[in-house]
Amino acid sequence: MEKNVKISTETITLGQFLKLADIIQSGGMAKWFLTEHEVLVNGEPEQRRGRKLKEADRVEIGGIGTFQIIRG
């Protein structure tokens, strides 16, 4: 099941997204999380916590789920 994550700005970093989606507790956990889990952004592997996400981007996290970025 795909979940929508609503952002209020033009872009959001992958680290901020992980926190906003309640996947991690704090932004400091982002680097560790990305080394321990397979994360795909629009089908491509991604490990940079500073990767900019925008509306319509799709984030897939192995064992956790799939998320669609929406603007709201």
PDB file of N, CA and C in Angstrom:
ATOM      1  N   MET A   1       0.840  -1.186   0.000  1.00  0.00           N
ATOM      2  CA  MET A   1       0.000   0.000   0.000  1.00  0.00           C
ATOM      3  C   MET A   1       0.881   1.243   0.000  1.00  0.00           C
ATOM      4  N   GLU A   2       0.565   2.168  -0.854  1.00  0.00           N
ATOM      5  CA  GLU A   2       1.335   3.408  -0.968  1.00  0.00           C
ATOM      6  C   GLU A   2       0.740   4.476  -0.066  1.00  0.00           C
ATOM      7  N   LYS A   3       1.607   5.165   0.678  1.00  0.00           N
ATOM      8  CA  LYS A   3       1.158   6.229   1.569  1.00  0.00           C
ATOM      9  C   LYS A   3       1.583   7.569   0.986  1.00  0.00           C
ATOM     10  N   ASN A   4       0.732   8.574   1.145  1.00  0.00           N
ATOM     11  CA  ASN A   4       1.066   9.922   0.707  1.00  0.00           C
ATOM     12  C   ASN A   4       1.701  10.692   1.854  1.00  0.00           C
ATOM     13  N   VAL A   5       2.749  11.450   1.534  1.00  0.00           N
ATOM     14  CA  VAL A   5       3.391  12.318   2.513  1.00  0.00           C
ATOM     15  C   VAL A   5       3.277  13.739   1.970  1.00  0.00           C
ATOM     16  N   LYS A   6       2.592  14.586   2.718  1.00  0.00           N
ATOM     17  CA  LYS A   6       2.316  15.943   2.277  1.00  0.00           C
ATOM     18  C   LYS A   6       3.420  16.889   2.721  1.00  0.00           C
ATOM     19  N   ILE A   7       3.944  17.662   1.765  1.00  0.00           N
ATOM     20  CA  ILE A   7       4.940  18.685   2.080  1.00  0.00           C
ATOM     21  C   ILE A   7       4.353  20.051   1.779  1.00  0.00           C
ATOM     22  N   SER A   8       4.824  21.059   2.501  1.00  0.00           N
ATOM     23  CA  SER A   8       4.287  22.410   2.308  1.00  0.00           C
ATOM     24  C   SER A   8       5.252  23.306   1.550  1.00  0.00           C
ATOM     25  N   THR A   9       6.449  22.795   1.246  1.00  0.00           N
ATOM     26  CA  THR A   9       7.452  23.570   0.515  1.00  0.00           C
ATOM     27  C   THR A   9       7.675  22.947  -0.857  1.00  0.00           C
ATOM     28  N   GLU A  10       8.455  23.633  -1.678  1.00  0.00           N
ATOM     29  CA  GLU A  10       8.744  23.152  -3.032  1.00  0.00           C
ATOM     30  C   GLU A  10       9.507  21.815  -3.000  1.00  0.00           C
ATOM     31  N   THR A  11      10.520  21.740  -2.110  1.00  0.00           N
ATOM     32  CA  THR A  11      11.326  20.530  -1.976  1.00  0.00           C
ATOM     33  C   THR A  11      11.533  20.195  -0.501  1.00  0.00           C
ATOM     34  N   ILE A  12      11.990  18.971  -0.255  1.00  0.00           N
ATOM     35  CA  ILE A  12      12.319  18.517   1.090  1.00  0.00           C
ATOM     36  C   ILE A  12      13.488  17.542   0.935  1.00  0.00           C
ATOM     37  N   THR A  13      14.404  17.520   1.899  1.00  0.00           N
ATOM     38  CA  THR A  13      15.514  16.575   1.798  1.00  0.00           C
ATOM     39  C   THR A  13      15.033  15.182   2.213  1.00  0.00           C
ATOM     40  N   LEU A  14      15.772  14.189   1.778  1.00  0.00           N
ATOM     41  CA  LEU A  14      15.422  12.810   2.128  1.00  0.00           C
ATOM     42  C   LEU A  14      15.455  12.626   3.643  1.00  0.00           C
ATOM     43  N   GLY A  15      16.421  13.236   4.311  1.00  0.00           N
ATOM     44  CA  GLY A  15      16.492  13.156   5.769  1.00  0.00           C
ATOM     45  C   GLY A  15      15.268  13.753   6.437  1.00  0.00           C
ATOM     46  N   GLN A  16      14.820  14.913   5.954  1.00  0.00           N
ATOM     47  CA  GLN A  16      13.610  15.544   6.492  1.00  0.00           C
ATOM     48  C   GLN A  16      12.382  14.688   6.208  1.00  0.00           C
ATOM     49  N   PHE A  17      12.350  14.089   5.031  1.00  0.00           N
ATOM     50  CA  PHE A  17      11.236  13.219   4.668  1.00  0.00           C
ATOM     51  C   PHE A  17      11.116  12.044   5.635  1.00  0.00           C
ATOM     52  N   LEU A  18      12.256  11.414   5.942  1.00  0.00           N
ATOM     53  CA  LEU A  18      12.234  10.256   6.834  1.00  0.00           C
ATOM     54  C   LEU A  18      11.649  10.626   8.197  1.00  0.00           C
ATOM     55  N   LYS A  19      11.966  11.812   8.670  1.00  0.00           N
ATOM     56  CA  LYS A  19      11.429  12.262   9.953  1.00  0.00           C
ATOM     57  C   LYS A  19       9.937  12.606   9.824  1.00  0.00           C
ATOM     58  N   LEU A  20       9.583  13.317   8.756  1.00  0.00           N
ATOM     59  CA  LEU A  20       8.193  13.717   8.526  1.00  0.00           C
ATOM     60  C   LEU A  20       7.275  12.496   8.401  1.00  0.00           C
ATOM     61  N   ALA A  21       7.769  11.442   7.790  1.00  0.00           N
ATOM     62  CA  ALA A  21       6.973  10.228   7.585  1.00  0.00           C
ATOM     63  C   ALA A  21       7.003   9.310   8.811  1.00  0.00           C
ATOM     64  N   ASP A  22       7.597   9.770   9.914  1.00  0.00           N
ATOM     65  CA  ASP A  22       7.699   9.000  11.159  1.00  0.00           C
ATOM     66  C   ASP A  22       8.447   7.684  10.990  1.00  0.00           C
ATOM     67  N   ILE A  23       9.450   7.690  10.138  1.00  0.00           N
ATOM     68  CA  ILE A  23      10.268   6.504   9.939  1.00  0.00           C
ATOM     69  C   ILE A  23      11.454   6.531  10.905  1.00  0.00           C
ATOM     70  N   ILE A  24      11.970   7.724  11.163  1.00  0.00           N
ATOM     71  CA  ILE A  24      13.046   7.902  12.142  1.00  0.00           C
ATOM     72  C   ILE A  24      12.596   8.911  13.187  1.00  0.00           C
ATOM     73  N   GLN A  25      13.254   8.879  14.354  1.00  0.00           N
ATOM     74  CA  GLN A  25      12.887   9.766  15.463  1.00  0.00           C
ATOM     75  C   GLN A  25      13.479  11.165  15.321  1.00  0.00           C
ATOM     76  N   SER A  26      14.725  11.238  14.798  1.00  0.00           N
ATOM     77  CA  SER A  26      15.388  12.535  14.691  1.00  0.00           C
ATOM     78  C   SER A  26      16.183  12.597  13.395  1.00  0.00           C
ATOM     79  N   GLY A  27      16.491  13.806  12.979  1.00  0.00           N
ATOM     80  CA  GLY A  27      17.257  13.994  11.752  1.00  0.00           C
ATOM     81  C   GLY A  27      18.637  13.367  11.823  1.00  0.00           C
ATOM     82  N   GLY A  28      19.199  13.279  13.034  1.00  0.00           N
ATOM     83  CA  GLY A  28      20.518  12.683  13.214  1.00  0.00           C
ATOM     84  C   GLY A  28      20.560  11.203  12.880  1.00  0.00           C
ATOM     85  N   MET A  29      19.430  10.547  12.884  1.00  0.00           N
ATOM     86  CA  MET A  29      19.369   9.116  12.575  1.00  0.00           C
ATOM     87  C   MET A  29      19.373   8.839  11.073  1.00  0.00           C
ATOM     88  N   ALA A  30      19.198   9.871  10.252  1.00  0.00           N
ATOM     89  CA  ALA A  30      19.040   9.689   8.805  1.00  0.00           C
ATOM     90  C   ALA A  30      20.245   9.000   8.170  1.00  0.00           C
ATOM     91  N   LYS A  31      21.452   9.453   8.489  1.00  0.00           N
ATOM     92  CA  LYS A  31      22.648   8.865   7.881  1.00  0.00           C
ATOM     93  C   LYS A  31      22.746   7.379   8.203  1.00  0.00           C
ATOM     94  N   TRP A  32      22.550   7.027   9.469  1.00  0.00           N
ATOM     95  CA  TRP A  32      22.586   5.621   9.872  1.00  0.00           C
ATOM     96  C   TRP A  32      21.502   4.830   9.141  1.00  0.00           C
ATOM     97  N   PHE A  33      20.277   5.359   9.134  1.00  0.00           N
ATOM     98  CA  PHE A  33      19.145   4.664   8.518  1.00  0.00           C
ATOM     99  C   PHE A  33      19.441   4.346   7.054  1.00  0.00           C
ATOM    100  N   LEU A  34      19.996   5.317   6.336  1.00  0.00           N
ATOM    101  CA  LEU A  34      20.240   5.135   4.906  1.00  0.00           C
ATOM    102  C   LEU A  34      21.344   4.113   4.623  1.00  0.00           C
ATOM    103  N   THR A  35      22.244   3.891   5.574  1.00  0.00           N
ATOM    104  CA  THR A  35      23.265   2.857   5.365  1.00  0.00           C
ATOM    105  C   THR A  35      22.736   1.468   5.719  1.00  0.00           C
ATOM    106  N   GLU A  36      21.706   1.409   6.557  1.00  0.00           N
ATOM    107  CA  GLU A  36      21.178   0.128   7.028  1.00  0.00           C
ATOM    108  C   GLU A  36      19.973  -0.384   6.236  1.00  0.00           C
ATOM    109  N   HIS A  37      19.313   0.471   5.476  1.00  0.00           N
ATOM    110  CA  HIS A  37      18.101   0.091   4.745  1.00  0.00           C
ATOM    111  C   HIS A  37      18.223   0.432   3.265  1.00  0.00           C
ATOM    112  N   GLU A  38      17.573  -0.391   2.447  1.00  0.00           N
ATOM    113  CA  GLU A  38      17.538  -0.096   1.015  1.00  0.00           C
ATOM    114  C   GLU A  38      16.448   0.953   0.762  1.00  0.00           C
ATOM    115  N   VAL A  39      16.882   2.091   0.223  1.00  0.00           N
ATOM    116  CA  VAL A  39      15.959   3.188  -0.073  1.00  0.00           C
ATOM    117  C   VAL A  39      16.066   3.502  -1.562  1.00  0.00           C
ATOM    118  N   LEU A  40      14.920   3.504  -2.233  1.00  0.00           N
ATOM    119  CA  LEU A  40      14.870   3.842  -3.652  1.00  0.00           C
ATOM    120  C   LEU A  40      14.065   5.123  -3.830  1.00  0.00           C
ATOM    121  N   VAL A  41      14.604   6.052  -4.605  1.00  0.00           N
ATOM    122  CA  VAL A  41      13.878   7.265  -4.962  1.00  0.00           C
ATOM    123  C   VAL A  41      13.626   7.192  -6.463  1.00  0.00           C
ATOM    124  N   ASN A  42      12.365   7.134  -6.830  1.00  0.00           N
ATOM    125  CA  ASN A  42      11.964   6.981  -8.232  1.00  0.00           C
ATOM    126  C   ASN A  42      12.661   5.783  -8.881  1.00  0.00           C
ATOM    127  N   GLY A  43      12.786   4.690  -8.123  1.00  0.00           N
ATOM    128  CA  GLY A  43      13.357   3.456  -8.640  1.00  0.00           C
ATOM    129  C   GLY A  43      14.866   3.361  -8.599  1.00  0.00           C
ATOM    130  N   GLU A  44      15.557   4.427  -8.176  1.00  0.00           N
ATOM    131  CA  GLU A  44      17.020   4.443  -8.120  1.00  0.00           C
ATOM    132  C   GLU A  44      17.498   4.383  -6.670  1.00  0.00           C
ATOM    133  N   PRO A  45      18.519   3.563  -6.370  1.00  0.00           N
ATOM    134  CA  PRO A  45      19.051   3.505  -5.000  1.00  0.00           C
ATOM    135  C   PRO A  45      19.564   4.879  -4.553  1.00  0.00           C
ATOM    136  N   GLU A  46      19.310   5.224  -3.308  1.00  0.00           N
ATOM    137  CA  GLU A  46      19.720   6.539  -2.796  1.00  0.00           C
ATOM    138  C   GLU A  46      20.214   6.407  -1.363  1.00  0.00           C
ATOM    139  N   GLN A  47      21.371   7.018  -1.063  1.00  0.00           N
ATOM    140  CA  GLN A  47      21.914   7.006   0.291  1.00  0.00           C
ATOM    141  C   GLN A  47      22.265   8.408   0.770  1.00  0.00           C
ATOM    142  N   ARG A  48      21.992   9.430  -0.023  1.00  0.00           N
ATOM    143  CA  ARG A  48      22.306  10.805   0.375  1.00  0.00           C
ATOM    144  C   ARG A  48      21.129  11.407   1.138  1.00  0.00           C
ATOM    145  N   ARG A  49      21.341  11.724   2.397  1.00  0.00           N
ATOM    146  CA  ARG A  49      20.253  12.298   3.195  1.00  0.00           C
ATOM    147  C   ARG A  49      19.860  13.685   2.708  1.00  0.00           C
ATOM    148  N   GLY A  50      20.742  14.350   1.972  1.00  0.00           N
ATOM    149  CA  GLY A  50      20.455  15.682   1.445  1.00  0.00           C
ATOM    150  C   GLY A  50      19.768  15.679   0.092  1.00  0.00           C
ATOM    151  N   ARG A  51      19.476  14.498  -0.439  1.00  0.00           N
ATOM    152  CA  ARG A  51      18.795  14.391  -1.742  1.00  0.00           C
ATOM    153  C   ARG A  51      17.483  15.160  -1.678  1.00  0.00           C
ATOM    154  N   LYS A  52      17.261  16.054  -2.629  1.00  0.00           N
ATOM    155  CA  LYS A  52      16.041  16.863  -2.669  1.00  0.00           C
ATOM    156  C   LYS A  52      14.900  16.058  -3.278  1.00  0.00           C
ATOM    157  N   LEU A  53      13.782  16.041  -2.583  1.00  0.00           N
ATOM    158  CA  LEU A  53      12.572  15.394  -3.075  1.00  0.00           C
ATOM    159  C   LEU A  53      11.557  16.473  -3.405  1.00  0.00           C
ATOM    160  N   LYS A  54      10.769  16.230  -4.441  1.00  0.00           N
ATOM    161  CA  LYS A  54       9.734  17.196  -4.829  1.00  0.00           C
ATOM    162  C   LYS A  54       8.421  16.460  -5.054  1.00  0.00           C
ATOM    163  N   GLU A  55       7.392  17.235  -5.318  1.00  0.00           N
ATOM    164  CA  GLU A  55       6.072  16.649  -5.556  1.00  0.00           C
ATOM    165  C   GLU A  55       6.155  15.580  -6.646  1.00  0.00           C
ATOM    166  N   ALA A  56       5.455  14.489  -6.446  1.00  0.00           N
ATOM    167  CA  ALA A  56       5.350  13.352  -7.367  1.00  0.00           C
ATOM    168  C   ALA A  56       6.521  12.382  -7.254  1.00  0.00           C
ATOM    169  N   ASP A  57       7.552  12.693  -6.445  1.00  0.00           N
ATOM    170  CA  ASP A  57       8.621  11.722  -6.232  1.00  0.00           C
ATOM    171  C   ASP A  57       8.074  10.550  -5.428  1.00  0.00           C
ATOM    172  N   ARG A  58       8.657   9.394  -5.668  1.00  0.00           N
ATOM    173  CA  ARG A  58       8.214   8.165  -5.005  1.00  0.00           C
ATOM    174  C   ARG A  58       9.397   7.571  -4.249  1.00  0.00           C
ATOM    175  N   VAL A  59       9.193   7.271  -2.986  1.00  0.00           N
ATOM    176  CA  VAL A  59      10.248   6.720  -2.136  1.00  0.00           C
ATOM    177  C   VAL A  59       9.820   5.325  -1.697  1.00  0.00           C
ATOM    178  N   GLU A  60      10.679   4.343  -1.973  1.00  0.00           N
ATOM    179  CA  GLU A  60      10.416   2.966  -1.561  1.00  0.00           C
ATOM    180  C   GLU A  60      11.472   2.562  -0.539  1.00  0.00           C
ATOM    181  N   ILE A  61      11.022   2.030   0.593  1.00  0.00           N
ATOM    182  CA  ILE A  61      11.933   1.610   1.647  1.00  0.00           C
ATOM    183  C   ILE A  61      11.658   0.142   1.939  1.00  0.00           C
ATOM    184  N   GLY A  62      12.674  -0.684   1.701  1.00  0.00           N
ATOM    185  CA  GLY A  62      12.539  -2.126   1.895  1.00  0.00           C
ATOM    186  C   GLY A  62      12.049  -2.480   3.284  1.00  0.00           C
ATOM    187  N   GLY A  63      10.996  -3.281   3.364  1.00  0.00           N
ATOM    188  CA  GLY A  63      10.456  -3.732   4.629  1.00  0.00           C
ATOM    189  C   GLY A  63       9.576  -2.716   5.344  1.00  0.00           C
ATOM    190  N   ILE A  64       9.481  -1.493   4.805  1.00  0.00           N
ATOM    191  CA  ILE A  64       8.685  -0.453   5.467  1.00  0.00           C
ATOM    192  C   ILE A  64       7.513  -0.006   4.606  1.00  0.00           C
ATOM    193  N   GLY A  65       7.766   0.299   3.350  1.00  0.00           N
ATOM    194  CA  GLY A  65       6.663   0.689   2.484  1.00  0.00           C
ATOM    195  C   GLY A  65       7.060   1.629   1.369  1.00  0.00           C
ATOM    196  N   THR A  66       6.045   2.088   0.645  1.00  0.00           N
ATOM    197  CA  THR A  66       6.211   2.998  -0.481  1.00  0.00           C
ATOM    198  C   THR A  66       5.460   4.288  -0.178  1.00  0.00           C
ATOM    199  N   PHE A  67       6.091   5.399  -0.498  1.00  0.00           N
ATOM    200  CA  PHE A  67       5.544   6.724  -0.180  1.00  0.00           C
ATOM    201  C   PHE A  67       5.554   7.609  -1.414  1.00  0.00           C
ATOM    202  N   GLN A  68       4.516   8.396  -1.574  1.00  0.00           N
ATOM    203  CA  GLN A  68       4.398   9.357  -2.670  1.00  0.00           C
ATOM    204  C   GLN A  68       4.414  10.751  -2.064  1.00  0.00           C
ATOM    205  N   ILE A  69       5.262  11.628  -2.605  1.00  0.00           N
ATOM    206  CA  ILE A  69       5.331  13.010  -2.124  1.00  0.00           C
ATOM    207  C   ILE A  69       4.208  13.810  -2.787  1.00  0.00           C
ATOM    208  N   ILE A  70       3.390  14.461  -1.982  1.00  0.00           N
ATOM    209  CA  ILE A  70       2.351  15.334  -2.521  1.00  0.00           C
ATOM    210  C   ILE A  70       2.512  16.712  -1.889  1.00  0.00           C
ATOM    211  N   ARG A  71       2.071  17.709  -2.576  1.00  0.00           N
ATOM    212  CA  ARG A  71       2.170  19.083  -2.079  1.00  0.00           C
ATOM    213  C   ARG A  71       0.813  19.494  -1.525  1.00  0.00           C
ATOM    214  N   GLY A  72       0.834  20.081  -0.343  1.00  0.00           N
ATOM    215  CA  GLY A  72      -0.450  20.426   0.232  1.00  0.00           C
ATOM    216  C   GLY A  72      -0.453  21.645   1.071  1.00  0.00           C
TER     217      GLY A  72
END
